[in-house]
Amino acid sequence: MSIVVYWLTQGQPSVQIFQDDQLLAALAFSEAKRKEKDADGRPLHNHVVTNSELGDCVSQPGVSDDRPADYSWSKAHRGGPPNPQGTPKTLG
C-alpha cells in the first residue's frame, strides 16, 4: 500500500510514490507541484492529484451498498443550482 502523487507537465504524466507513513511529505510535495511556475509565471503543472491506499485502513474499500432504508441524498441543502450568470446564490 502507498501514497501516490500524479501530475501533468505539458500533457506528460508523472508520478511520485510515498510510503504509508509519509502522508505529510506527500501532501507537501503535491502543494509544491501546484505552486511551481514556468518562466512566464504560469503554473508549470496541472491536474496534481494525491491518492492513497493505506495499509492500516480499517474500513472497507469503495462505497457501501448497505444504506439505511430512510437514506435520501439531495443537493437541496446546498441552496440549489447557481444563478444563470454562474455566480452563487446569496443565502439570506
PDB file of N, CA and C in Angstrom:
ATOM      1  N   MET A   1       0.845  -1.175   0.000  1.00  0.00           N
ATOM      2  CA  MET A   1       0.000   0.000   0.000  1.00  0.00           C
ATOM      3  C   MET A   1       0.890   1.238   0.000  1.00  0.00           C
ATOM      4  N   SER A   2       0.319   2.359  -0.480  1.00  0.00           N
ATOM      5  CA  SER A   2       1.164   3.537  -0.598  1.00  0.00           C
ATOM      6  C   SER A   2       0.341   4.791  -0.829  1.00  0.00           C
ATOM      7  N   ILE A   3       1.061   5.875  -0.931  1.00  0.00           N
ATOM      8  CA  ILE A   3       0.509   7.179  -1.295  1.00  0.00           C
ATOM      9  C   ILE A   3       1.168   7.561  -2.605  1.00  0.00           C
ATOM     10  N   VAL A   4       0.377   8.007  -3.561  1.00  0.00           N
ATOM     11  CA  VAL A   4       0.895   8.313  -4.887  1.00  0.00           C
ATOM     12  C   VAL A   4       0.455   9.723  -5.283  1.00  0.00           C
ATOM     13  N   VAL A   5       1.391  10.497  -5.823  1.00  0.00           N
ATOM     14  CA  VAL A   5       1.079  11.823  -6.368  1.00  0.00           C
ATOM     15  C   VAL A   5       1.259  11.740  -7.877  1.00  0.00           C
ATOM     16  N   TYR A   6       0.203  12.100  -8.598  1.00  0.00           N
ATOM     17  CA  TYR A   6       0.226  12.156 -10.064  1.00  0.00           C
ATOM     18  C   TYR A   6       0.120  13.616 -10.485  1.00  0.00           C
ATOM     19  N   TRP A   7       0.753  13.973 -11.608  1.00  0.00           N
ATOM     20  CA  TRP A   7       0.597  15.324 -12.158  1.00  0.00           C
ATOM     21  C   TRP A   7       0.940  15.308 -13.642  1.00  0.00           C
ATOM     22  N   LEU A   8       0.492  16.356 -14.331  1.00  0.00           N
ATOM     23  CA  LEU A   8       0.794  16.528 -15.747  1.00  0.00           C
ATOM     24  C   LEU A   8       1.677  17.755 -15.921  1.00  0.00           C
ATOM     25  N   THR A   9       2.679  17.632 -16.781  1.00  0.00           N
ATOM     26  CA  THR A   9       3.529  18.757 -17.166  1.00  0.00           C
ATOM     27  C   THR A   9       3.522  18.794 -18.681  1.00  0.00           C
ATOM     28  N   GLN A  10       2.899  19.826 -19.235  1.00  0.00           N
ATOM     29  CA  GLN A  10       2.747  19.960 -20.686  1.00  0.00           C
ATOM     30  C   GLN A  10       2.160  18.683 -21.287  1.00  0.00           C
ATOM     31  N   GLY A  11       1.158  18.127 -20.611  1.00  0.00           N
ATOM     32  CA  GLY A  11       0.460  16.939 -21.093  1.00  0.00           C
ATOM     33  C   GLY A  11       1.156  15.625 -20.820  1.00  0.00           C
ATOM     34  N   GLN A  12       2.351  15.663 -20.237  1.00  0.00           N
ATOM     35  CA  GLN A  12       3.095  14.440 -19.959  1.00  0.00           C
ATOM     36  C   GLN A  12       2.869  14.010 -18.505  1.00  0.00           C
ATOM     37  N   PRO A  13       2.417  12.769 -18.279  1.00  0.00           N
ATOM     38  CA  PRO A  13       2.149  12.323 -16.905  1.00  0.00           C
ATOM     39  C   PRO A  13       3.417  11.988 -16.137  1.00  0.00           C
ATOM     40  N   SER A  14       3.364  12.240 -14.842  1.00  0.00           N
ATOM     41  CA  SER A  14       4.455  11.893 -13.933  1.00  0.00           C
ATOM     42  C   SER A  14       3.859  11.344 -12.647  1.00  0.00           C
ATOM     43  N   VAL A  15       4.680  10.619 -11.899  1.00  0.00           N
ATOM     44  CA  VAL A  15       4.220  10.019 -10.650  1.00  0.00           C
ATOM     45  C   VAL A  15       5.354  10.011  -9.632  1.00  0.00           C
ATOM     46  N   GLN A  16       5.001  10.179  -8.363  1.00  0.00           N
ATOM     47  CA  GLN A  16       5.941  10.056  -7.252  1.00  0.00           C
ATOM     48  C   GLN A  16       5.256   9.208  -6.190  1.00  0.00           C
ATOM     49  N   ILE A  17       5.926   8.167  -5.711  1.00  0.00           N
ATOM     50  CA  ILE A  17       5.351   7.245  -4.739  1.00  0.00           C
ATOM     51  C   ILE A  17       5.938   7.505  -3.355  1.00  0.00           C
ATOM     52  N   PHE A  18       5.065   7.486  -2.340  1.00  0.00           N
ATOM     53  CA  PHE A  18       5.456   7.674  -0.947  1.00  0.00           C
ATOM     54  C   PHE A  18       4.966   6.469  -0.144  1.00  0.00           C
ATOM     55  N   GLN A  19       5.634   6.188   0.950  1.00  0.00           N
ATOM     56  CA  GLN A  19       5.224   5.103   1.848  1.00  0.00           C
ATOM     57  C   GLN A  19       4.049   5.560   2.721  1.00  0.00           C
ATOM     58  N   ASP A  20       3.364   4.598   3.325  1.00  0.00           N
ATOM     59  CA  ASP A  20       2.196   4.889   4.169  1.00  0.00           C
ATOM     60  C   ASP A  20       2.466   5.950   5.225  1.00  0.00           C
ATOM     61  N   ASP A  21       3.642   5.938   5.812  1.00  0.00           N
ATOM     62  CA  ASP A  21       3.953   6.867   6.908  1.00  0.00           C
ATOM     63  C   ASP A  21       4.467   8.222   6.417  1.00  0.00           C
ATOM     64  N   GLN A  22       4.370   8.488   5.126  1.00  0.00           N
ATOM     65  CA  GLN A  22       4.880   9.738   4.557  1.00  0.00           C
ATOM     66  C   GLN A  22       3.763  10.649   4.034  1.00  0.00           C
ATOM     67  N   LEU A  23       2.596  10.604   4.674  1.00  0.00           N
ATOM     68  CA  LEU A  23       1.470  11.410   4.199  1.00  0.00           C
ATOM     69  C   LEU A  23       1.801  12.899   4.175  1.00  0.00           C
ATOM     70  N   LEU A  24       2.399  13.421   5.239  1.00  0.00           N
ATOM     71  CA  LEU A  24       2.733  14.855   5.271  1.00  0.00           C
ATOM     72  C   LEU A  24       3.715  15.216   4.164  1.00  0.00           C
ATOM     73  N   ALA A  25       4.686  14.360   3.912  1.00  0.00           N
ATOM     74  CA  ALA A  25       5.643  14.614   2.828  1.00  0.00           C
ATOM     75  C   ALA A  25       4.939  14.594   1.476  1.00  0.00           C
ATOM     76  N   ALA A  26       4.001  13.666   1.286  1.00  0.00           N
ATOM     77  CA  ALA A  26       3.262  13.582   0.018  1.00  0.00           C
ATOM     78  C   ALA A  26       2.404  14.821  -0.196  1.00  0.00           C
ATOM     79  N   LEU A  27       1.747  15.284   0.863  1.00  0.00           N
ATOM     80  CA  LEU A  27       0.920  16.487   0.746  1.00  0.00           C
ATOM     81  C   LEU A  27       1.771  17.720   0.458  1.00  0.00           C
ATOM     82  N   ALA A  28       2.922  17.820   1.111  1.00  0.00           N
ATOM     83  CA  ALA A  28       3.831  18.944   0.864  1.00  0.00           C
ATOM     84  C   ALA A  28       4.353  18.893  -0.574  1.00  0.00           C
ATOM     85  N   PHE A  29       4.660  17.699  -1.063  1.00  0.00           N
ATOM     86  CA  PHE A  29       5.135  17.529  -2.432  1.00  0.00           C
ATOM     87  C   PHE A  29       4.050  17.973  -3.416  1.00  0.00           C
ATOM     88  N   SER A  30       2.810  17.566  -3.168  1.00  0.00           N
ATOM     89  CA  SER A  30       1.686  17.964  -4.026  1.00  0.00           C
ATOM     90  C   SER A  30       1.536  19.478  -4.063  1.00  0.00           C
ATOM     91  N   GLU A  31       1.598  20.090  -2.902  1.00  0.00           N
ATOM     92  CA  GLU A  31       1.462  21.550  -2.827  1.00  0.00           C
ATOM     93  C   GLU A  31       2.601  22.245  -3.564  1.00  0.00           C
ATOM     94  N   ALA A  32       3.817  21.722  -3.435  1.00  0.00           N
ATOM     95  CA  ALA A  32       4.958  22.308  -4.145  1.00  0.00           C
ATOM     96  C   ALA A  32       4.763  22.202  -5.659  1.00  0.00           C
ATOM     97  N   LYS A  33       4.257  21.071  -6.134  1.00  0.00           N
ATOM     98  CA  LYS A  33       3.993  20.909  -7.577  1.00  0.00           C
ATOM     99  C   LYS A  33       2.958  21.917  -8.047  1.00  0.00           C
ATOM    100  N   ARG A  34       1.915  22.137  -7.226  1.00  0.00           N
ATOM    101  CA  ARG A  34       0.868  23.099  -7.603  1.00  0.00           C
ATOM    102  C   ARG A  34       1.406  24.529  -7.697  1.00  0.00           C
ATOM    103  N   LYS A  35       2.424  24.841  -6.908  1.00  0.00           N
ATOM    104  CA  LYS A  35       2.962  26.204  -6.855  1.00  0.00           C
ATOM    105  C   LYS A  35       4.067  26.475  -7.877  1.00  0.00           C
ATOM    106  N   GLU A  36       4.654  25.436  -8.485  1.00  0.00           N
ATOM    107  CA  GLU A  36       5.749  25.645  -9.438  1.00  0.00           C
ATOM    108  C   GLU A  36       5.254  26.402 -10.668  1.00  0.00           C
ATOM    109  N   LYS A  37       6.059  27.372 -11.104  1.00  0.00           N
ATOM    110  CA  LYS A  37       5.700  28.226 -12.254  1.00  0.00           C
ATOM    111  C   LYS A  37       6.734  28.078 -13.356  1.00  0.00           C
ATOM    112  N   ASP A  38       6.306  28.334 -14.587  1.00  0.00           N
ATOM    113  CA  ASP A  38       7.255  28.340 -15.702  1.00  0.00           C
ATOM    114  C   ASP A  38       7.924  29.705 -15.788  1.00  0.00           C
ATOM    115  N   ALA A  39       8.745  29.921 -16.797  1.00  0.00           N
ATOM    116  CA  ALA A  39       9.499  31.176 -16.937  1.00  0.00           C
ATOM    117  C   ALA A  39       8.583  32.388 -17.085  1.00  0.00           C
ATOM    118  N   ASP A  40       7.356  32.174 -17.571  1.00  0.00           N
ATOM    119  CA  ASP A  40       6.402  33.272 -17.758  1.00  0.00           C
ATOM    120  C   ASP A  40       5.487  33.466 -16.558  1.00  0.00           C
ATOM    121  N   GLY A  41       5.711  32.707 -15.496  1.00  0.00           N
ATOM    122  CA  GLY A  41       4.902  32.852 -14.295  1.00  0.00           C
ATOM    123  C   GLY A  41       3.600  32.068 -14.300  1.00  0.00           C
ATOM    124  N   ARG A  42       3.397  31.238 -15.304  1.00  0.00           N
ATOM    125  CA  ARG A  42       2.192  30.410 -15.370  1.00  0.00           C
ATOM    126  C   ARG A  42       2.439  29.098 -14.632  1.00  0.00           C
ATOM    127  N   PRO A  43       1.370  28.461 -14.134  1.00  0.00           N
ATOM    128  CA  PRO A  43       1.553  27.169 -13.466  1.00  0.00           C
ATOM    129  C   PRO A  43       2.269  26.172 -14.387  1.00  0.00           C
ATOM    130  N   LEU A  44       3.280  25.511 -13.867  1.00  0.00           N
ATOM    131  CA  LEU A  44       4.065  24.560 -14.645  1.00  0.00           C
ATOM    132  C   LEU A  44       3.359  23.222 -14.779  1.00  0.00           C
ATOM    133  N   HIS A  45       2.647  22.822 -13.738  1.00  0.00           N
ATOM    134  CA  HIS A  45       1.984  21.523 -13.731  1.00  0.00           C
ATOM    135  C   HIS A  45       0.483  21.731 -13.583  1.00  0.00           C
ATOM    136  N   ASN A  46      -0.272  20.771 -14.068  1.00  0.00           N
ATOM    137  CA  ASN A  46      -1.703  20.801 -13.807  1.00  0.00           C
ATOM    138  C   ASN A  46      -2.181  19.403 -13.456  1.00  0.00           C
ATOM    139  N   HIS A  47      -3.379  19.318 -12.989  1.00  0.00           N
ATOM    140  CA  HIS A  47      -4.012  18.065 -12.584  1.00  0.00           C
ATOM    141  C   HIS A  47      -3.137  17.321 -11.572  1.00  0.00           C
ATOM    142  N   VAL A  48      -2.733  18.014 -10.516  1.00  0.00           N
ATOM    143  CA  VAL A  48      -1.946  17.393  -9.445  1.00  0.00           C
ATOM    144  C   VAL A  48      -2.923  16.663  -8.523  1.00  0.00           C
ATOM    145  N   VAL A  49      -2.728  15.350  -8.374  1.00  0.00           N
ATOM    146  CA  VAL A  49      -3.656  14.525  -7.608  1.00  0.00           C
ATOM    147  C   VAL A  49      -2.878  13.681  -6.600  1.00  0.00           C
ATOM    148  N   THR A  50      -3.344  13.655  -5.370  1.00  0.00           N
ATOM    149  CA  THR A  50      -2.777  12.791  -4.345  1.00  0.00           C
ATOM    150  C   THR A  50      -3.774  11.675  -4.072  1.00  0.00           C
ATOM    151  N   ASN A  51      -3.314  10.436  -4.156  1.00  0.00           N
ATOM    152  CA  ASN A  51      -4.169   9.283  -3.960  1.00  0.00           C
ATOM    153  C   ASN A  51      -3.515   8.362  -2.946  1.00  0.00           C
ATOM    154  N   SER A  52      -4.313   7.730  -2.099  1.00  0.00           N
ATOM    155  CA  SER A  52      -3.731   6.834  -1.105  1.00  0.00           C
ATOM    156  C   SER A  52      -4.529   5.548  -0.977  1.00  0.00           C
ATOM    157  N   GLU A  53      -3.825   4.512  -0.646  1.00  0.00           N
ATOM    158  CA  GLU A  53      -4.414   3.229  -0.285  1.00  0.00           C
ATOM    159  C   GLU A  53      -3.566   2.728   0.873  1.00  0.00           C
ATOM    160  N   LEU A  54      -3.901   3.207   2.056  1.00  0.00           N
ATOM    161  CA  LEU A  54      -3.085   2.968   3.232  1.00  0.00           C
ATOM    162  C   LEU A  54      -3.289   1.554   3.778  1.00  0.00           C
ATOM    163  N   GLY A  55      -2.197   0.904   4.128  1.00  0.00           N
ATOM    164  CA  GLY A  55      -2.240  -0.467   4.609  1.00  0.00           C
ATOM    165  C   GLY A  55      -2.943  -0.645   5.941  1.00  0.00           C
ATOM    166  N   ASP A  56      -2.944   0.378   6.798  1.00  0.00           N
ATOM    167  CA  ASP A  56      -3.573   0.262   8.109  1.00  0.00           C
ATOM    168  C   ASP A  56      -5.032   0.695   8.117  1.00  0.00           C
ATOM    169  N   CYS A  57      -5.600   0.965   6.967  1.00  0.00           N
ATOM    170  CA  CYS A  57      -7.000   1.387   6.877  1.00  0.00           C
ATOM    171  C   CYS A  57      -7.891   0.247   7.373  1.00  0.00           C
ATOM    172  N   VAL A  58      -8.844   0.559   8.247  1.00  0.00           N
ATOM    173  CA  VAL A  58      -9.703  -0.475   8.816  1.00  0.00           C
ATOM    174  C   VAL A  58     -11.084  -0.528   8.161  1.00  0.00           C
ATOM    175  N   SER A  59     -11.376   0.392   7.263  1.00  0.00           N
ATOM    176  CA  SER A  59     -12.683   0.396   6.609  1.00  0.00           C
ATOM    177  C   SER A  59     -12.639  -0.411   5.318  1.00  0.00           C
ATOM    178  N   GLN A  60     -13.814  -0.753   4.828  1.00  0.00           N
ATOM    179  CA  GLN A  60     -13.918  -1.473   3.572  1.00  0.00           C
ATOM    180  C   GLN A  60     -13.687  -0.495   2.425  1.00  0.00           C
ATOM    181  N   PRO A  61     -12.995  -0.913   1.363  1.00  0.00           N
ATOM    182  CA  PRO A  61     -12.814  -0.023   0.218  1.00  0.00           C
ATOM    183  C   PRO A  61     -14.136   0.164  -0.534  1.00  0.00           C
ATOM    184  N   GLY A  62     -14.260   1.297  -1.213  1.00  0.00           N
ATOM    185  CA  GLY A  62     -15.436   1.545  -2.033  1.00  0.00           C
ATOM    186  C   GLY A  62     -16.587   2.139  -1.252  1.00  0.00           C
ATOM    187  N   VAL A  63     -17.737   2.179  -1.911  1.00  0.00           N
ATOM    188  CA  VAL A  63     -18.943   2.761  -1.346  1.00  0.00           C
ATOM    189  C   VAL A  63     -19.844   1.631  -0.873  1.00  0.00           C
ATOM    190  N   SER A  64     -20.435   1.803   0.266  1.00  0.00           N
ATOM    191  CA  SER A  64     -21.291   0.754   0.822  1.00  0.00           C
ATOM    192  C   SER A  64     -22.609   0.655   0.072  1.00  0.00           C
ATOM    193  N   ASP A  65     -23.050  -0.580  -0.165  1.00  0.00           N
ATOM    194  CA  ASP A  65     -24.371  -0.824  -0.750  1.00  0.00           C
ATOM    195  C   ASP A  65     -25.436  -0.944   0.330  1.00  0.00           C
ATOM    196  N   ASP A  66     -25.014  -0.969   1.574  1.00  0.00           N
ATOM    197  CA  ASP A  66     -25.939  -1.154   2.692  1.00  0.00           C
ATOM    198  C   ASP A  66     -26.343   0.190   3.273  1.00  0.00           C
ATOM    199  N   ARG A  67     -27.197   0.925   2.543  1.00  0.00           N
ATOM    200  CA  ARG A  67     -27.679   2.218   3.027  1.00  0.00           C
ATOM    201  C   ARG A  67     -28.924   1.994   3.881  1.00  0.00           C
ATOM    202  N   PRO A  68     -29.123   2.820   4.891  1.00  0.00           N
ATOM    203  CA  PRO A  68     -30.357   2.717   5.684  1.00  0.00           C
ATOM    204  C   PRO A  68     -31.581   2.927   4.791  1.00  0.00           C
ATOM    205  N   ALA A  69     -32.690   2.321   5.148  1.00  0.00           N
ATOM    206  CA  ALA A  69     -33.918   2.409   4.338  1.00  0.00           C
ATOM    207  C   ALA A  69     -34.387   3.847   4.163  1.00  0.00           C
ATOM    208  N   ASP A  70     -34.153   4.706   5.169  1.00  0.00           N
ATOM    209  CA  ASP A  70     -34.613   6.095   5.092  1.00  0.00           C
ATOM    210  C   ASP A  70     -33.558   7.044   4.514  1.00  0.00           C
ATOM    211  N   TYR A  71     -32.483   6.513   3.946  1.00  0.00           N
ATOM    212  CA  TYR A  71     -31.419   7.342   3.378  1.00  0.00           C
ATOM    213  C   TYR A  71     -31.925   8.086   2.158  1.00  0.00           C
ATOM    214  N   SER A  72     -31.721   9.394   2.124  1.00  0.00           N
ATOM    215  CA  SER A  72     -32.147  10.213   0.990  1.00  0.00           C
ATOM    216  C   SER A  72     -31.084  11.266   0.741  1.00  0.00           C
ATOM    217  N   TRP A  73     -30.350  11.120  -0.355  1.00  0.00           N
ATOM    218  CA  TRP A  73     -29.305  12.074  -0.677  1.00  0.00           C
ATOM    219  C   TRP A  73     -29.887  13.176  -1.557  1.00  0.00           C
ATOM    220  N   SER A  74     -29.536  14.398  -1.272  1.00  0.00           N
ATOM    221  CA  SER A  74     -30.067  15.525  -2.038  1.00  0.00           C
ATOM    222  C   SER A  74     -29.088  16.687  -1.993  1.00  0.00           C
ATOM    223  N   LYS A  75     -29.110  17.502  -3.037  1.00  0.00           N
ATOM    224  CA  LYS A  75     -28.311  18.723  -3.048  1.00  0.00           C
ATOM    225  C   LYS A  75     -29.095  19.907  -2.490  1.00  0.00           C
ATOM    226  N   ALA A  76     -30.309  19.670  -2.024  1.00  0.00           N
ATOM    227  CA  ALA A  76     -31.170  20.755  -1.565  1.00  0.00           C
ATOM    228  C   ALA A  76     -30.511  21.589  -0.470  1.00  0.00           C
ATOM    229  N   HIS A  77     -29.718  20.974   0.380  1.00  0.00           N
ATOM    230  CA  HIS A  77     -29.071  21.713   1.468  1.00  0.00           C
ATOM    231  C   HIS A  77     -28.015  22.689   0.965  1.00  0.00           C
ATOM    232  N   ARG A  78     -27.650  22.586  -0.301  1.00  0.00           N
ATOM    233  CA  ARG A  78     -26.614  23.467  -0.866  1.00  0.00           C
ATOM    234  C   ARG A  78     -27.197  24.760  -1.429  1.00  0.00           C
ATOM    235  N   GLY A  79     -28.489  24.893  -1.449  1.00  0.00           N
ATOM    236  CA  GLY A  79     -29.098  26.117  -1.945  1.00  0.00           C
ATOM    237  C   GLY A  79     -29.450  26.065  -3.416  1.00  0.00           C
ATOM    238  N   GLY A  80     -29.386  24.912  -4.045  1.00  0.00           N
ATOM    239  CA  GLY A  80     -29.788  24.776  -5.438  1.00  0.00           C
ATOM    240  C   GLY A  80     -28.690  25.155  -6.406  1.00  0.00           C
ATOM    241  N   PRO A  81     -29.042  25.209  -7.698  1.00  0.00           N
ATOM    242  CA  PRO A  81     -28.045  25.498  -8.733  1.00  0.00           C
ATOM    243  C   PRO A  81     -27.598  26.960  -8.691  1.00  0.00           C
ATOM    244  N   PRO A  82     -26.477  27.276  -9.347  1.00  0.00           N
ATOM    245  CA  PRO A  82     -26.026  28.677  -9.376  1.00  0.00           C
ATOM    246  C   PRO A  82     -26.951  29.536 -10.220  1.00  0.00           C
ATOM    247  N   ASN A  83     -26.807  30.825 -10.062  1.00  0.00           N
ATOM    248  CA  ASN A  83     -27.563  31.772 -10.880  1.00  0.00           C
ATOM    249  C   ASN A  83     -27.171  31.610 -12.347  1.00  0.00           C
ATOM    250  N   PRO A  84     -28.006  32.091 -13.277  1.00  0.00           N
ATOM    251  CA  PRO A  84     -27.674  31.945 -14.706  1.00  0.00           C
ATOM    252  C   PRO A  84     -26.296  32.484 -15.097  1.00  0.00           C
ATOM    253  N   GLN A  85     -25.812  33.501 -14.396  1.00  0.00           N
ATOM    254  CA  GLN A  85     -24.503  34.076 -14.718  1.00  0.00           C
ATOM    255  C   GLN A  85     -23.372  33.237 -14.145  1.00  0.00           C
ATOM    256  N   GLY A  86     -23.686  32.146 -13.437  1.00  0.00           N
ATOM    257  CA  GLY A  86     -22.668  31.295 -12.860  1.00  0.00           C
ATOM    258  C   GLY A  86     -22.203  31.721 -11.487  1.00  0.00           C
ATOM    259  N   THR A  87     -22.821  32.754 -10.919  1.00  0.00           N
ATOM    260  CA  THR A  87     -22.440  33.198  -9.580  1.00  0.00           C
ATOM    261  C   THR A  87     -23.310  32.487  -8.557  1.00  0.00           C
ATOM    262  N   PRO A  88     -22.778  32.208  -7.392  1.00  0.00           N
ATOM    263  CA  PRO A  88     -23.581  31.506  -6.392  1.00  0.00           C
ATOM    264  C   PRO A  88     -24.719  32.365  -5.884  1.00  0.00           C
ATOM    265  N   LYS A  89     -25.776  31.709  -5.460  1.00  0.00           N
ATOM    266  CA  LYS A  89     -26.909  32.428  -4.869  1.00  0.00           C
ATOM    267  C   LYS A  89     -26.499  32.941  -3.494  1.00  0.00           C
ATOM    268  N   THR A  90     -27.088  34.040  -3.108  1.00  0.00           N
ATOM    269  CA  THR A  90     -26.862  34.586  -1.791  1.00  0.00           C
ATOM    270  C   THR A  90     -27.917  34.017  -0.863  1.00  0.00           C
ATOM    271  N   LEU A  91     -27.442  33.355   0.183  1.00  0.00           N
ATOM    272  CA  LEU A  91     -28.382  32.804   1.166  1.00  0.00           C
ATOM    273  C   LEU A  91     -28.716  33.882   2.159  1.00  0.00           C
ATOM    274  N   GLY A  92     -29.971  34.064   2.436  1.00  0.00           N
ATOM    275  CA  GLY A  92     -30.270  35.163   3.317  1.00  0.00           C
ATOM    276  C   GLY A  92     -31.396  34.922   4.159  1.00  0.00           C
TER     277      GLY A  92
END
